[in-house]
C-alpha atoms as a PDB file:
ATOM      1  CA  MET A   1     -16.251  12.246  51.795  1.00  0.00           C
ATOM      2  CA  ALA A   2     -16.254  15.832  53.018  1.00  0.00           C
ATOM      3  CA  LYS A   3     -14.434  18.483  51.063  1.00  0.00           C
ATOM      4  CA  PRO A   4     -11.351  19.843  52.886  1.00  0.00           C
ATOM      5  CA  TYR A   5     -11.168  23.443  54.028  1.00  0.00           C
ATOM      6  CA  SER A   6      -9.414  25.775  51.593  1.00  0.00           C
ATOM      7  CA  LEU A   7      -5.758  26.620  52.079  1.00  0.00           C
ATOM      8  CA  ASP A   8      -6.707  30.308  52.262  1.00  0.00           C
ATOM      9  CA  LEU A   9      -9.021  29.721  55.255  1.00  0.00           C
ATOM     10  CA  ARG A  10      -6.437  27.553  56.974  1.00  0.00           C
ATOM     11  CA  GLN A  11      -3.818  30.281  56.575  1.00  0.00           C
ATOM     12  CA  LYS A  12      -6.200  32.977  57.923  1.00  0.00           C
ATOM     13  CA  VAL A  13      -6.972  30.906  61.031  1.00  0.00           C
ATOM     14  CA  ILE A  14      -3.320  30.123  61.766  1.00  0.00           C
ATOM     15  CA  ASP A  15      -2.293  33.758  61.148  1.00  0.00           C
ATOM     16  CA  ALA A  16      -5.012  34.943  63.545  1.00  0.00           C
ATOM     17  CA  ILE A  17      -3.652  32.616  66.228  1.00  0.00           C
ATOM     18  CA  GLU A  18       0.071  33.130  65.699  1.00  0.00           C
ATOM     19  CA  LEU A  19       0.279  36.764  64.535  1.00  0.00           C
ATOM     20  CA  ASP A  20      -2.750  38.399  66.169  1.00  0.00           C
ATOM     21  CA  GLY A  21      -2.542  36.398  69.406  1.00  0.00           C
ATOM     22  CA  MET A  22      -6.081  35.061  69.182  1.00  0.00           C
ATOM     23  CA  LYS A  23      -6.826  32.026  71.350  1.00  0.00           C
ATOM     24  CA  LYS A  24      -7.669  28.763  69.616  1.00  0.00           C
ATOM     25  CA  SER A  25     -11.145  28.674  71.153  1.00  0.00           C
ATOM     26  CA  GLU A  26     -11.838  32.253  70.008  1.00  0.00           C
ATOM     27  CA  ALA A  27     -10.627  31.438  66.497  1.00  0.00           C
ATOM     28  CA  SER A  28     -12.814  28.339  66.355  1.00  0.00           C
ATOM     29  CA  VAL A  29     -15.900  30.412  67.199  1.00  0.00           C
ATOM     30  CA  ALA A  30     -14.921  33.295  64.884  1.00  0.00           C
ATOM     31  CA  PHE A  31     -14.244  31.078  61.876  1.00  0.00           C
ATOM     32  CA  GLY A  32     -16.896  28.438  62.615  1.00  0.00           C
ATOM     33  CA  ILE A  33     -14.590  25.440  62.826  1.00  0.00           C
ATOM     34  CA  SER A  34     -13.787  23.052  65.647  1.00  0.00           C
ATOM     35  CA  ARG A  35     -10.832  23.554  67.940  1.00  0.00           C
ATOM     36  CA  ASN A  36      -9.672  20.018  67.183  1.00  0.00           C
ATOM     37  CA  THR A  37      -9.383  21.002  63.507  1.00  0.00           C
ATOM     38  CA  ILE A  38      -7.137  23.899  64.431  1.00  0.00           C
ATOM     39  CA  ASP A  39      -4.976  21.563  66.536  1.00  0.00           C
ATOM     40  CA  LEU A  40      -4.680  19.173  63.588  1.00  0.00           C
ATOM     41  CA  TRP A  41      -3.667  22.009  61.274  1.00  0.00           C
ATOM     42  CA  LEU A  42      -0.988  23.179  63.715  1.00  0.00           C
ATOM     43  CA  LYS A  43       0.364  19.622  64.016  1.00  0.00           C
ATOM     44  CA  ARG A  44       0.435  19.297  60.238  1.00  0.00           C
ATOM     45  CA  GLN A  45       2.264  22.608  59.896  1.00  0.00           C
ATOM     46  CA  ALA A  46       4.833  21.515  62.487  1.00  0.00           C
ATOM     47  CA  ALA A  47       5.331  18.125  60.816  1.00  0.00           C
ATOM     48  CA  THR A  48       5.309  19.066  57.132  1.00  0.00           C
ATOM     49  CA  GLY A  49       5.786  22.835  57.093  1.00  0.00           C
ATOM     50  CA  SER A  50       2.595  23.228  55.078  1.00  0.00           C
ATOM     51  CA  LEU A  51      -1.100  23.625  55.822  1.00  0.00           C
ATOM     52  CA  ALA A  52      -2.171  22.028  52.547  1.00  0.00           C
ATOM     53  CA  PRO A  53      -4.747  19.245  52.879  1.00  0.00           C
ATOM     54  CA  GLN A  54      -3.718  15.654  52.278  1.00  0.00           C
ATOM     55  CA  VAL A  55      -4.369  14.326  48.831  1.00  0.00           C
ATOM     56  CA  ASN A  56      -6.505  11.207  49.030  1.00  0.00           C
ATOM     57  CA  SER A  57      -6.269   9.644  45.624  1.00  0.00           C
ATOM     58  CA  ARG A  58      -7.499   6.100  45.541  1.00  0.00           C
ATOM     59  CA  ALA A  59      -5.980   3.977  42.859  1.00  0.00           C
ATOM     60  CA  ARG A  60      -8.739   2.717  40.617  1.00  0.00           C
ATOM     61  CA  ARG A  61      -8.604  -0.826  39.489  1.00  0.00           C
ATOM     62  CA  GLN A  62      -8.335  -1.418  35.791  1.00  0.00           C
ATOM     63  CA  ARG A  63     -11.546  -2.799  34.375  1.00  0.00           C
ATOM     64  CA  ARG A  64     -11.327  -6.219  32.791  1.00  0.00           C
ATOM     65  CA  ILE A  65     -13.808  -5.226  30.104  1.00  0.00           C
ATOM     66  CA  THR A  66     -12.774  -2.280  27.965  1.00  0.00           C
ATOM     67  CA  ASP A  67     -14.615  -3.013  24.699  1.00  0.00           C
ATOM     68  CA  TRP A  68     -18.229  -2.384  25.707  1.00  0.00           C
ATOM     69  CA  ASP A  69     -19.628  -2.888  22.199  1.00  0.00           C
ATOM     70  CA  GLY A  70     -17.896  -6.258  22.077  1.00  0.00           C
ATOM     71  CA  PHE A  71     -19.308  -7.124  25.498  1.00  0.00           C
ATOM     72  CA  ARG A  72     -22.825  -6.188  24.353  1.00  0.00           C
ATOM     73  CA  ALA A  73     -22.448  -8.549  21.404  1.00  0.00           C
ATOM     74  CA  PHE A  74     -21.093 -11.251  23.745  1.00  0.00           C
ATOM     75  CA  ALA A  75     -24.055 -10.788  26.108  1.00  0.00           C
ATOM     76  CA  GLU A  76     -26.512 -10.913  23.215  1.00  0.00           C
ATOM     77  CA  GLN A  77     -24.895 -14.070  21.867  1.00  0.00           C
ATOM     78  CA  ASN A  78     -24.897 -15.771  25.301  1.00  0.00           C
ATOM     79  CA  ARG A  79     -28.205 -14.420  26.591  1.00  0.00           C
ATOM     80  CA  HIS A  80     -29.545 -17.902  27.380  1.00  0.00           C
ATOM     81  CA  LYS A  81     -26.659 -18.666  29.762  1.00  0.00           C
ATOM     82  CA  THR A  82     -26.295 -17.864  33.439  1.00  0.00           C
ATOM     83  CA  GLN A  83     -23.728 -15.321  34.586  1.00  0.00           C
ATOM     84  CA  THR A  84     -21.455 -18.118  35.787  1.00  0.00           C
ATOM     85  CA  GLU A  85     -21.643 -19.814  32.392  1.00  0.00           C
ATOM     86  CA  MET A  86     -20.978 -16.466  30.701  1.00  0.00           C
ATOM     87  CA  ALA A  87     -17.884 -16.003  32.856  1.00  0.00           C
ATOM     88  CA  GLU A  88     -16.642 -19.429  31.784  1.00  0.00           C
ATOM     89  CA  CYS A  89     -17.213 -18.570  28.103  1.00  0.00           C
ATOM     90  CA  TRP A  90     -15.383 -15.247  28.324  1.00  0.00           C
ATOM     91  CA  PRO A  91     -11.896 -15.402  26.794  1.00  0.00           C
ATOM     92  CA  GLY A  92      -9.616 -15.076  29.817  1.00  0.00           C
ATOM     93  CA  PRO A  93     -10.231 -15.166  33.554  1.00  0.00           C
ATOM     94  CA  MET A  94     -13.521 -13.614  34.608  1.00  0.00           C
ATOM     95  CA  SER A  95     -15.731 -13.995  37.678  1.00  0.00           C
ATOM     96  CA  GLN A  96     -19.496 -14.174  37.830  1.00  0.00           C
ATOM     97  CA  ARG A  97     -19.565 -10.948  39.852  1.00  0.00           C
ATOM     98  CA  THR A  98     -17.579  -9.100  37.184  1.00  0.00           C
ATOM     99  CA  ILE A  99     -20.056 -10.277  34.545  1.00  0.00           C
ATOM    100  CA  SER A 100     -22.896  -9.110  36.788  1.00  0.00           C
ATOM    101  CA  ARG A 101     -21.381  -5.628  37.195  1.00  0.00           C
ATOM    102  CA  ALA A 102     -20.660  -5.390  33.464  1.00  0.00           C
ATOM    103  CA  LEU A 103     -24.240  -6.324  32.612  1.00  0.00           C
ATOM    104  CA  GLY A 104     -25.355  -3.517  34.908  1.00  0.00           C
ATOM    105  CA  VAL A 105     -23.063  -1.060  33.120  1.00  0.00           C
ATOM    106  CA  ILE A 106     -24.671  -1.820  29.754  1.00  0.00           C
ATOM    107  CA  ASP A 107     -28.172  -1.682  31.334  1.00  0.00           C
ATOM    108  CA  TRP A 108     -28.799  -5.344  30.641  1.00  0.00           C
ATOM    109  CA  THR A 109     -31.476  -7.059  32.667  1.00  0.00           C
ATOM    110  CA  ARG A 110     -31.948 -10.754  33.168  1.00  0.00           C
ATOM    111  CA  LYS A 111     -35.650 -10.230  33.727  1.00  0.00           C
ATOM    112  CA  LYS A 112     -37.693 -12.083  31.109  1.00  0.00           C
ATOM    113  CA  ARG A 113     -40.958 -10.137  31.358  1.00  0.00           C
ATOM    114  CA  PRO A 114     -41.135  -6.357  31.174  1.00  0.00           C
ATOM    115  CA  THR A 115     -43.717  -6.115  33.977  1.00  0.00           C
ATOM    116  CA  ALA A 116     -45.008  -8.380  36.702  1.00  0.00           C
ATOM    117  CA  THR A 117     -48.015 -10.487  35.768  1.00  0.00           C
ATOM    118  CA  ASP A 118     -51.016 -11.349  37.900  1.00  0.00           C
ATOM    119  CA  SER A 119     -51.714 -14.873  38.963  1.00  0.00           C
ATOM    120  CA  GLU A 120     -53.890 -16.880  36.601  1.00  0.00           C
ATOM    121  CA  THR A 121     -56.476 -17.514  39.299  1.00  0.00           C
ATOM    122  CA  SER A 122     -58.630 -14.629  40.352  1.00  0.00           C
ATOM    123  CA  LYS A 123     -59.258 -13.697  43.974  1.00  0.00           C
ATOM    124  CA  SER A 124     -62.796 -15.069  43.863  1.00  0.00           C
ATOM    125  CA  ASP A 125     -61.535 -18.470  42.647  1.00  0.00           C
ATOM    126  CA  ARG A 126     -59.082 -18.783  45.537  1.00  0.00           C
ATOM    127  CA  ARG A 127     -61.748 -18.377  48.212  1.00  0.00           C
ATOM    128  CA  SER A 128     -63.796 -21.406  47.231  1.00  0.00           C
END
């Protein structure tokens, strides 16, 4: 998400329009912002009395897993199980997707081999 313009810049633009009599289109060119942005700032000032940007704070969901060392031990103990089976073994409600995300957080991989292996048959054997 883009960072909002500073309150200082907003005030300079609005002062140039209201106090100095500059046109909106001239101010948009002089300050390098769009005219629509100036219109939005003027509407906000009329509605709220302030030019301050809106605060967009998204509420973060509380994580189900808070003890990461305990989860590592749980994952190590249940390493032979699928994520769905791990979710069923977890004390309390837990989904397979939550287990998957948590395994990613602790850098756990379900991959059994560290690198890909070549096929047992060579290319020359496959041609015949």
